[in-house]
Every structure is written in C-alpha cells, then in structure tokens.
Amino acid sequence: AGATLADFDPLERERLRQAIQKFGGDRILLEL
C-alpha cells in the first residue's frame, strides 16, 4: 500500500543484474 514504481532504485537494478552474473543466476533474466 502506498508504493509506486518511483520507489525502485536504479542502482539496485544494476546491482541485481551484477548479482545474477556473480552468483550464477538465471541468465535469461539479463536479456529482459
């Protein structure tokens, strides 16, 4: 409740993509 897309942090998005590469996550996610 009360949350909007503006509450997402672009820096954390980049950290997420780096984490997928670092920890061997689902690489298909990197193409999205």
PDB file of all heavy atoms in Angstrom:
ATOM      1  N   ALA A   1       0.833  -1.206   0.000  1.00  0.00           N
ATOM      2  CA  ALA A   1       0.000   0.000   0.000  1.00  0.00           C
ATOM      3  C   ALA A   1       0.868   1.257   0.000  1.00  0.00           C
ATOM      4  O   ALA A   1       1.788   1.391   0.808  1.00  0.00           O
ATOM      5  CB  ALA A   1      -0.923  -0.008   1.216  1.00  0.00           C
ATOM      6  N   GLY A   2       0.580   2.172  -0.908  1.00  0.00           N
ATOM      7  CA  GLY A   2       1.305   3.442  -0.969  1.00  0.00           C
ATOM      8  C   GLY A   2       2.559   3.399  -1.804  1.00  0.00           C
ATOM      9  O   GLY A   2       3.187   4.441  -2.038  1.00  0.00           O
ATOM     10  N   ALA A   3       2.980   2.228  -2.276  1.00  0.00           N
ATOM     11  CA  ALA A   3       4.220   2.119  -3.051  1.00  0.00           C
ATOM     12  C   ALA A   3       3.966   2.427  -4.522  1.00  0.00           C
ATOM     13  O   ALA A   3       2.899   2.126  -5.068  1.00  0.00           O
ATOM     14  CB  ALA A   3       4.809   0.727  -2.912  1.00  0.00           C
ATOM     15  N   THR A   4       4.945   3.048  -5.184  1.00  0.00           N
ATOM     16  CA  THR A   4       4.878   3.329  -6.621  1.00  0.00           C
ATOM     17  C   THR A   4       6.181   2.880  -7.265  1.00  0.00           C
ATOM     18  O   THR A   4       7.172   2.570  -6.573  1.00  0.00           O
ATOM     19  CB  THR A   4       4.668   4.823  -6.896  1.00  0.00           C
ATOM     20  OG1 THR A   4       5.856   5.534  -6.495  1.00  0.00           O
ATOM     21  CG2 THR A   4       3.466   5.366  -6.123  1.00  0.00           C
ATOM     22  N   LEU A   5       6.210   2.871  -8.586  1.00  0.00           N
ATOM     23  CA  LEU A   5       7.427   2.466  -9.305  1.00  0.00           C
ATOM     24  C   LEU A   5       8.596   3.398  -8.997  1.00  0.00           C
ATOM     25  O   LEU A   5       9.761   2.998  -9.137  1.00  0.00           O
ATOM     26  CB  LEU A   5       7.159   2.432 -10.812  1.00  0.00           C
ATOM     27  CG  LEU A   5       6.134   1.390 -11.288  1.00  0.00           C
ATOM     28  CD1 LEU A   5       5.968   1.471 -12.805  1.00  0.00           C
ATOM     29  CD2 LEU A   5       6.569  -0.013 -10.883  1.00  0.00           C
ATOM     30  N   ALA A   6       8.312   4.618  -8.561  1.00  0.00           N
ATOM     31  CA  ALA A   6       9.380   5.553  -8.210  1.00  0.00           C
ATOM     32  C   ALA A   6      10.146   5.098  -6.972  1.00  0.00           C
ATOM     33  O   ALA A   6      11.240   5.598  -6.686  1.00  0.00           O
ATOM     34  CB  ALA A   6       8.798   6.950  -7.979  1.00  0.00           C
ATOM     35  N   ASP A   7       9.583   4.150  -6.244  1.00  0.00           N
ATOM     36  CA  ASP A   7      10.258   3.640  -5.045  1.00  0.00           C
ATOM     37  C   ASP A   7      11.330   2.600  -5.383  1.00  0.00           C
ATOM     38  O   ASP A   7      12.043   2.141  -4.492  1.00  0.00           O
ATOM     39  CB  ASP A   7       9.237   3.013  -4.082  1.00  0.00           C
ATOM     40  CG  ASP A   7       8.301   4.050  -3.493  1.00  0.00           C
ATOM     41  OD1 ASP A   7       8.789   5.142  -3.130  1.00  0.00           O
ATOM     42  OD2 ASP A   7       7.085   3.778  -3.382  1.00  0.00           O
ATOM     43  N   PHE A   8      11.437   2.233  -6.667  1.00  0.00           N
ATOM     44  CA  PHE A   8      12.518   1.338  -7.091  1.00  0.00           C
ATOM     45  C   PHE A   8      13.778   2.159  -7.354  1.00  0.00           C
ATOM     46  O   PHE A   8      13.719   3.252  -7.915  1.00  0.00           O
ATOM     47  CB  PHE A   8      12.130   0.582  -8.362  1.00  0.00           C
ATOM     48  CG  PHE A   8      11.129  -0.532  -8.143  1.00  0.00           C
ATOM     49  CD1 PHE A   8      10.374  -1.013  -9.198  1.00  0.00           C
ATOM     50  CD2 PHE A   8      10.955  -1.103  -6.887  1.00  0.00           C
ATOM     51  CE1 PHE A   8       9.459  -2.034  -9.017  1.00  0.00           C
ATOM     52  CE2 PHE A   8      10.037  -2.129  -6.688  1.00  0.00           C
ATOM     53  CZ  PHE A   8       9.291  -2.590  -7.750  1.00  0.00           C
ATOM     54  N   ASP A   9      14.922   1.608  -6.962  1.00  0.00           N
ATOM     55  CA  ASP A   9      16.200   2.309  -7.080  1.00  0.00           C
ATOM     56  C   ASP A   9      16.964   1.797  -8.304  1.00  0.00           C
ATOM     57  O   ASP A   9      17.273   0.603  -8.381  1.00  0.00           O
ATOM     58  CB  ASP A   9      17.022   2.062  -5.809  1.00  0.00           C
ATOM     59  CG  ASP A   9      18.258   2.931  -5.736  1.00  0.00           C
ATOM     60  OD1 ASP A   9      18.728   3.387  -6.782  1.00  0.00           O
ATOM     61  OD2 ASP A   9      18.759   3.133  -4.606  1.00  0.00           O
ATOM     62  N   PRO A  10      17.280   2.668  -9.267  1.00  0.00           N
ATOM     63  CA  PRO A  10      18.035   2.233 -10.462  1.00  0.00           C
ATOM     64  C   PRO A  10      19.382   1.595 -10.117  1.00  0.00           C
ATOM     65  O   PRO A  10      19.832   0.667 -10.798  1.00  0.00           O
ATOM     66  CB  PRO A  10      18.230   3.535 -11.254  1.00  0.00           C
ATOM     67  CG  PRO A  10      17.124   4.437 -10.790  1.00  0.00           C
ATOM     68  CD  PRO A  10      16.902   4.092  -9.346  1.00  0.00           C
ATOM     69  N   LEU A  11      20.017   2.077  -9.057  1.00  0.00           N
ATOM     70  CA  LEU A  11      21.294   1.484  -8.651  1.00  0.00           C
ATOM     71  C   LEU A  11      21.111   0.042  -8.186  1.00  0.00           C
ATOM     72  O   LEU A  11      21.969  -0.813  -8.429  1.00  0.00           O
ATOM     73  CB  LEU A  11      21.926   2.327  -7.533  1.00  0.00           C
ATOM     74  CG  LEU A  11      22.393   3.723  -7.926  1.00  0.00           C
ATOM     75  CD1 LEU A  11      22.938   4.460  -6.700  1.00  0.00           C
ATOM     76  CD2 LEU A  11      23.464   3.656  -9.017  1.00  0.00           C
ATOM     77  N   GLU A  12      19.974  -0.234  -7.531  1.00  0.00           N
ATOM     78  CA  GLU A  12      19.720  -1.603  -7.076  1.00  0.00           C
ATOM     79  C   GLU A  12      19.371  -2.517  -8.250  1.00  0.00           C
ATOM     80  O   GLU A  12      19.645  -3.716  -8.213  1.00  0.00           O
ATOM     81  CB  GLU A  12      18.608  -1.610  -6.030  1.00  0.00           C
ATOM     82  CG  GLU A  12      18.969  -0.917  -4.738  1.00  0.00           C
ATOM     83  CD  GLU A  12      20.277  -1.448  -4.148  1.00  0.00           C
ATOM     84  OE1 GLU A  12      20.441  -2.697  -4.077  1.00  0.00           O
ATOM     85  OE2 GLU A  12      21.136  -0.629  -3.765  1.00  0.00           O
ATOM     86  N   ARG A  13      18.778  -1.939  -9.304  1.00  0.00           N
ATOM     87  CA  ARG A  13      18.545  -2.727 -10.515  1.00  0.00           C
ATOM     88  C   ARG A  13      19.875  -3.188 -11.095  1.00  0.00           C
ATOM     89  O   ARG A  13      20.028  -4.344 -11.517  1.00  0.00           O
ATOM     90  CB  ARG A  13      17.795  -1.902 -11.554  1.00  0.00           C
ATOM     91  CG  ARG A  13      16.316  -1.743 -11.294  1.00  0.00           C
ATOM     92  CD  ARG A  13      15.653  -1.148 -12.546  1.00  0.00           C
ATOM     93  NE  ARG A  13      14.227  -0.938 -12.330  1.00  0.00           N
ATOM     94  CZ  ARG A  13      13.311  -1.880 -12.410  1.00  0.00           C
ATOM     95  NH1 ARG A  13      13.685  -3.118 -12.666  1.00  0.00           N
ATOM     96  NH2 ARG A  13      12.034  -1.599 -12.219  1.00  0.00           N
ATOM     97  N   GLU A  14      20.835  -2.285 -11.140  1.00  0.00           N
ATOM     98  CA  GLU A  14      22.144  -2.639 -11.672  1.00  0.00           C
ATOM     99  C   GLU A  14      22.828  -3.666 -10.761  1.00  0.00           C
ATOM    100  O   GLU A  14      23.476  -4.598 -11.242  1.00  0.00           O
ATOM    101  CB  GLU A  14      23.011  -1.383 -11.802  1.00  0.00           C
ATOM    102  CG  GLU A  14      24.410  -1.638 -12.363  1.00  0.00           C
ATOM    103  CD  GLU A  14      24.369  -2.281 -13.750  1.00  0.00           C
ATOM    104  OE1 GLU A  14      23.405  -2.039 -14.500  1.00  0.00           O
ATOM    105  OE2 GLU A  14      25.316  -3.040 -14.077  1.00  0.00           O
ATOM    106  N   ARG A  15      22.677  -3.502  -9.459  1.00  0.00           N
ATOM    107  CA  ARG A  15      23.248  -4.467  -8.524  1.00  0.00           C
ATOM    108  C   ARG A  15      22.613  -5.848  -8.754  1.00  0.00           C
ATOM    109  O   ARG A  15      23.273  -6.888  -8.657  1.00  0.00           O
ATOM    110  CB  ARG A  15      23.023  -4.015  -7.081  1.00  0.00           C
ATOM    111  CG  ARG A  15      23.861  -4.800  -6.059  1.00  0.00           C
ATOM    112  CD  ARG A  15      23.428  -4.482  -4.627  1.00  0.00           C
ATOM    113  NE  ARG A  15      23.384  -3.063  -4.361  1.00  0.00           N
ATOM    114  CZ  ARG A  15      24.441  -2.352  -3.979  1.00  0.00           C
ATOM    115  NH1 ARG A  15      25.609  -2.942  -3.821  1.00  0.00           N
ATOM    116  NH2 ARG A  15      24.306  -1.059  -3.726  1.00  0.00           N
ATOM    117  N   LEU A  16      21.306  -5.853  -9.036  1.00  0.00           N
ATOM    118  CA  LEU A  16      20.603  -7.099  -9.308  1.00  0.00           C
ATOM    119  C   LEU A  16      21.202  -7.810 -10.516  1.00  0.00           C
ATOM    120  O   LEU A  16      21.470  -9.022 -10.472  1.00  0.00           O
ATOM    121  CB  LEU A  16      19.118  -6.802  -9.538  1.00  0.00           C
ATOM    122  CG  LEU A  16      18.266  -7.898 -10.184  1.00  0.00           C
ATOM    123  CD1 LEU A  16      18.192  -9.108  -9.260  1.00  0.00           C
ATOM    124  CD2 LEU A  16      16.867  -7.386 -10.491  1.00  0.00           C
ATOM    125  N   ARG A  17      21.425  -7.082 -11.599  1.00  0.00           N
ATOM    126  CA  ARG A  17      21.980  -7.704 -12.801  1.00  0.00           C
ATOM    127  C   ARG A  17      23.403  -8.213 -12.543  1.00  0.00           C
ATOM    128  O   ARG A  17      23.792  -9.281 -13.038  1.00  0.00           O
ATOM    129  CB  ARG A  17      21.947  -6.706 -13.965  1.00  0.00           C
ATOM    130  CG  ARG A  17      20.515  -6.327 -14.372  1.00  0.00           C
ATOM    131  CD  ARG A  17      20.487  -5.359 -15.551  1.00  0.00           C
ATOM    132  NE  ARG A  17      19.124  -4.962 -15.886  1.00  0.00           N
ATOM    133  CZ  ARG A  17      18.296  -5.667 -16.644  1.00  0.00           C
ATOM    134  NH1 ARG A  17      18.712  -6.816 -17.176  1.00  0.00           N
ATOM    135  NH2 ARG A  17      17.071  -5.225 -16.909  1.00  0.00           N
ATOM    136  N   GLN A  18      24.168  -7.488 -11.766  1.00  0.00           N
ATOM    137  CA  GLN A  18      25.522  -7.936 -11.435  1.00  0.00           C
ATOM    138  C   GLN A  18      25.479  -9.187 -10.547  1.00  0.00           C
ATOM    139  O   GLN A  18      26.305 -10.091 -10.688  1.00  0.00           O
ATOM    140  CB  GLN A  18      26.282  -6.817 -10.728  1.00  0.00           C
ATOM    141  CG  GLN A  18      26.604  -5.629 -11.621  1.00  0.00           C
ATOM    142  CD  GLN A  18      27.268  -4.492 -10.860  1.00  0.00           C
ATOM    143  OE1 GLN A  18      27.555  -4.590  -9.662  1.00  0.00           O
ATOM    144  NE2 GLN A  18      27.519  -3.385 -11.559  1.00  0.00           N
ATOM    145  N   ALA A  19      24.488  -9.229  -9.654  1.00  0.00           N
ATOM    146  CA  ALA A  19      24.362 -10.385  -8.765  1.00  0.00           C
ATOM    147  C   ALA A  19      24.023 -11.647  -9.557  1.00  0.00           C
ATOM    148  O   ALA A  19      24.506 -12.748  -9.242  1.00  0.00           O
ATOM    149  CB  ALA A  19      23.292 -10.124  -7.705  1.00  0.00           C
ATOM    150  N   ILE A  20      23.174 -11.523 -10.590  1.00  0.00           N
ATOM    151  CA  ILE A  20      22.825 -12.681 -11.412  1.00  0.00           C
ATOM    152  C   ILE A  20      24.083 -13.258 -12.063  1.00  0.00           C
ATOM    153  O   ILE A  20      24.273 -14.482 -12.127  1.00  0.00           O
ATOM    154  CB  ILE A  20      21.787 -12.282 -12.476  1.00  0.00           C
ATOM    155  CG1 ILE A  20      20.459 -11.919 -11.804  1.00  0.00           C
ATOM    156  CG2 ILE A  20      21.579 -13.417 -13.482  1.00  0.00           C
ATOM    157  CD1 ILE A  20      19.438 -11.316 -12.752  1.00  0.00           C
ATOM    158  N   GLN A  21      24.974 -12.384 -12.522  1.00  0.00           N
ATOM    159  CA  GLN A  21      26.226 -12.848 -13.119  1.00  0.00           C
ATOM    160  C   GLN A  21      27.170 -13.421 -12.051  1.00  0.00           C
ATOM    161  O   GLN A  21      27.767 -14.478 -12.245  1.00  0.00           O
ATOM    162  CB  GLN A  21      26.905 -11.690 -13.852  1.00  0.00           C
ATOM    163  CG  GLN A  21      26.137 -11.207 -15.081  1.00  0.00           C
ATOM    164  CD  GLN A  21      26.828 -10.048 -15.770  1.00  0.00           C
ATOM    165  OE1 GLN A  21      27.287  -9.106 -15.116  1.00  0.00           O
ATOM    166  NE2 GLN A  21      26.914 -10.113 -17.098  1.00  0.00           N
ATOM    167  N   LYS A  22      27.261 -12.748 -10.913  1.00  0.00           N
ATOM    168  CA  LYS A  22      28.198 -13.156  -9.864  1.00  0.00           C
ATOM    169  C   LYS A  22      27.825 -14.502  -9.257  1.00  0.00           C
ATOM    170  O   LYS A  22      28.687 -15.361  -9.025  1.00  0.00           O
ATOM    171  CB  LYS A  22      28.226 -12.086  -8.767  1.00  0.00           C
ATOM    172  CG  LYS A  22      29.080 -12.453  -7.558  1.00  0.00           C
ATOM    173  CD  LYS A  22      29.025 -11.340  -6.504  1.00  0.00           C
ATOM    174  CE  LYS A  22      29.818 -11.725  -5.259  1.00  0.00           C
ATOM    175  NZ  LYS A  22      29.742 -10.659  -4.223  1.00  0.00           N
ATOM    176  N   PHE A  23      26.540 -14.717  -8.988  1.00  0.00           N
ATOM    177  CA  PHE A  23      26.100 -15.924  -8.288  1.00  0.00           C
ATOM    178  C   PHE A  23      25.609 -17.028  -9.225  1.00  0.00           C
ATOM    179  O   PHE A  23      25.134 -18.065  -8.761  1.00  0.00           O
ATOM    180  CB  PHE A  23      24.992 -15.581  -7.287  1.00  0.00           C
ATOM    181  CG  PHE A  23      25.421 -14.641  -6.209  1.00  0.00           C
ATOM    182  CD1 PHE A  23      24.798 -13.397  -6.049  1.00  0.00           C
ATOM    183  CD2 PHE A  23      26.442 -14.967  -5.334  1.00  0.00           C
ATOM    184  CE1 PHE A  23      25.186 -12.520  -5.058  1.00  0.00           C
ATOM    185  CE2 PHE A  23      26.847 -14.092  -4.334  1.00  0.00           C
ATOM    186  CZ  PHE A  23      26.213 -12.869  -4.194  1.00  0.00           C
ATOM    187  N   GLY A  24      25.729 -16.808 -10.540  1.00  0.00           N
ATOM    188  CA  GLY A  24      25.309 -17.840 -11.476  1.00  0.00           C
ATOM    189  C   GLY A  24      23.810 -18.023 -11.529  1.00  0.00           C
ATOM    190  O   GLY A  24      23.322 -19.160 -11.589  1.00  0.00           O
ATOM    191  N   GLY A  25      23.080 -16.919 -11.513  1.00  0.00           N
ATOM    192  CA  GLY A  25      21.627 -16.993 -11.548  1.00  0.00           C
ATOM    193  C   GLY A  25      21.103 -17.297 -12.940  1.00  0.00           C
ATOM    194  O   GLY A  25      21.856 -17.696 -13.838  1.00  0.00           O
ATOM    195  N   ASP A  26      19.813 -17.103 -13.115  1.00  0.00           N
ATOM    196  CA  ASP A  26      19.152 -17.381 -14.384  1.00  0.00           C
ATOM    197  C   ASP A  26      19.537 -16.299 -15.394  1.00  0.00           C
ATOM    198  O   ASP A  26      19.037 -15.175 -15.358  1.00  0.00           O
ATOM    199  CB  ASP A  26      17.635 -17.395 -14.167  1.00  0.00           C
ATOM    200  CG  ASP A  26      16.876 -17.864 -15.393  1.00  0.00           C
ATOM    201  OD1 ASP A  26      17.475 -17.938 -16.475  1.00  0.00           O
ATOM    202  OD2 ASP A  26      15.664 -18.149 -15.250  1.00  0.00           O
ATOM    203  N   ARG A  27      20.417 -16.650 -16.344  1.00  0.00           N
ATOM    204  CA  ARG A  27      20.973 -15.653 -17.253  1.00  0.00           C
ATOM    205  C   ARG A  27      19.946 -15.125 -18.255  1.00  0.00           C
ATOM    206  O   ARG A  27      20.154 -14.071 -18.863  1.00  0.00           O
ATOM    207  CB  ARG A  27      22.186 -16.228 -17.984  1.00  0.00           C
ATOM    208  CG  ARG A  27      23.300 -16.675 -17.037  1.00  0.00           C
ATOM    209  CD  ARG A  27      24.558 -17.017 -17.796  1.00  0.00           C
ATOM    210  NE  ARG A  27      25.164 -15.848 -18.397  1.00  0.00           N
ATOM    211  CZ  ARG A  27      25.984 -15.015 -17.772  1.00  0.00           C
ATOM    212  NH1 ARG A  27      26.276 -15.217 -16.493  1.00  0.00           N
ATOM    213  NH2 ARG A  27      26.508 -13.985 -18.407  1.00  0.00           N
ATOM    214  N   ILE A  28      18.840 -15.825 -18.407  1.00  0.00           N
ATOM    215  CA  ILE A  28      17.786 -15.314 -19.288  1.00  0.00           C
ATOM    216  C   ILE A  28      17.263 -13.974 -18.785  1.00  0.00           C
ATOM    217  O   ILE A  28      16.851 -13.111 -19.559  1.00  0.00           O
ATOM    218  CB  ILE A  28      16.637 -16.341 -19.376  1.00  0.00           C
ATOM    219  CG1 ILE A  28      17.130 -17.606 -20.092  1.00  0.00           C
ATOM    220  CG2 ILE A  28      15.419 -15.766 -20.080  1.00  0.00           C
ATOM    221  CD1 ILE A  28      16.109 -18.708 -20.164  1.00  0.00           C
ATOM    222  N   LEU A  29      17.323 -13.786 -17.459  1.00  0.00           N
ATOM    223  CA  LEU A  29      16.843 -12.535 -16.871  1.00  0.00           C
ATOM    224  C   LEU A  29      17.632 -11.334 -17.372  1.00  0.00           C
ATOM    225  O   LEU A  29      17.113 -10.217 -17.428  1.00  0.00           O
ATOM    226  CB  LEU A  29      16.937 -12.613 -15.344  1.00  0.00           C
ATOM    227  CG  LEU A  29      16.070 -13.679 -14.660  1.00  0.00           C
ATOM    228  CD1 LEU A  29      16.409 -13.767 -13.179  1.00  0.00           C
ATOM    229  CD2 LEU A  29      14.582 -13.358 -14.845  1.00  0.00           C
ATOM    230  N   LEU A  30      18.900 -11.555 -17.734  1.00  0.00           N
ATOM    231  CA  LEU A  30      19.745 -10.446 -18.180  1.00  0.00           C
ATOM    232  C   LEU A  30      19.313  -9.899 -19.542  1.00  0.00           C
ATOM    233  O   LEU A  30      19.684  -8.781 -19.907  1.00  0.00           O
ATOM    234  CB  LEU A  30      21.210 -10.903 -18.242  1.00  0.00           C
ATOM    235  CG  LEU A  30      21.821 -11.351 -16.905  1.00  0.00           C
ATOM    236  CD1 LEU A  30      23.224 -11.888 -17.119  1.00  0.00           C
ATOM    237  CD2 LEU A  30      21.836 -10.196 -15.915  1.00  0.00           C
ATOM    238  N   GLU A  31      18.545 -10.686 -20.277  1.00  0.00           N
ATOM    239  CA  GLU A  31      18.110 -10.261 -21.601  1.00  0.00           C
ATOM    240  C   GLU A  31      16.824  -9.439 -21.554  1.00  0.00           C
ATOM    241  O   GLU A  31      16.385  -8.909 -22.582  1.00  0.00           O
ATOM    242  CB  GLU A  31      17.896 -11.495 -22.489  1.00  0.00           C
ATOM    243  CG  GLU A  31      19.143 -12.357 -22.629  1.00  0.00           C
ATOM    244  CD  GLU A  31      18.862 -13.660 -23.376  1.00  0.00           C
ATOM    245  OE1 GLU A  31      17.718 -13.802 -23.879  1.00  0.00           O
ATOM    246  OE2 GLU A  31      19.765 -14.511 -23.439  1.00  0.00           O
ATOM    247  N   LEU A  32      16.201  -9.327 -20.383  1.00  0.00           N
ATOM    248  CA  LEU A  32      14.907  -8.658 -20.258  1.00  0.00           C
ATOM    249  C   LEU A  32      15.076  -7.172 -19.951  1.00  0.00           C
ATOM    250  O   LEU A  32      16.024  -6.764 -19.269  1.00  0.00           O
ATOM    251  CB  LEU A  32      14.087  -9.312 -19.147  1.00  0.00           C
ATOM    252  CG  LEU A  32      13.852 -10.829 -19.266  1.00  0.00           C
ATOM    253  CD1 LEU A  32      13.061 -11.323 -18.058  1.00  0.00           C
ATOM    254  CD2 LEU A  32      13.135 -11.156 -20.565  1.00  0.00           C
TER     255      LEU A  32
END
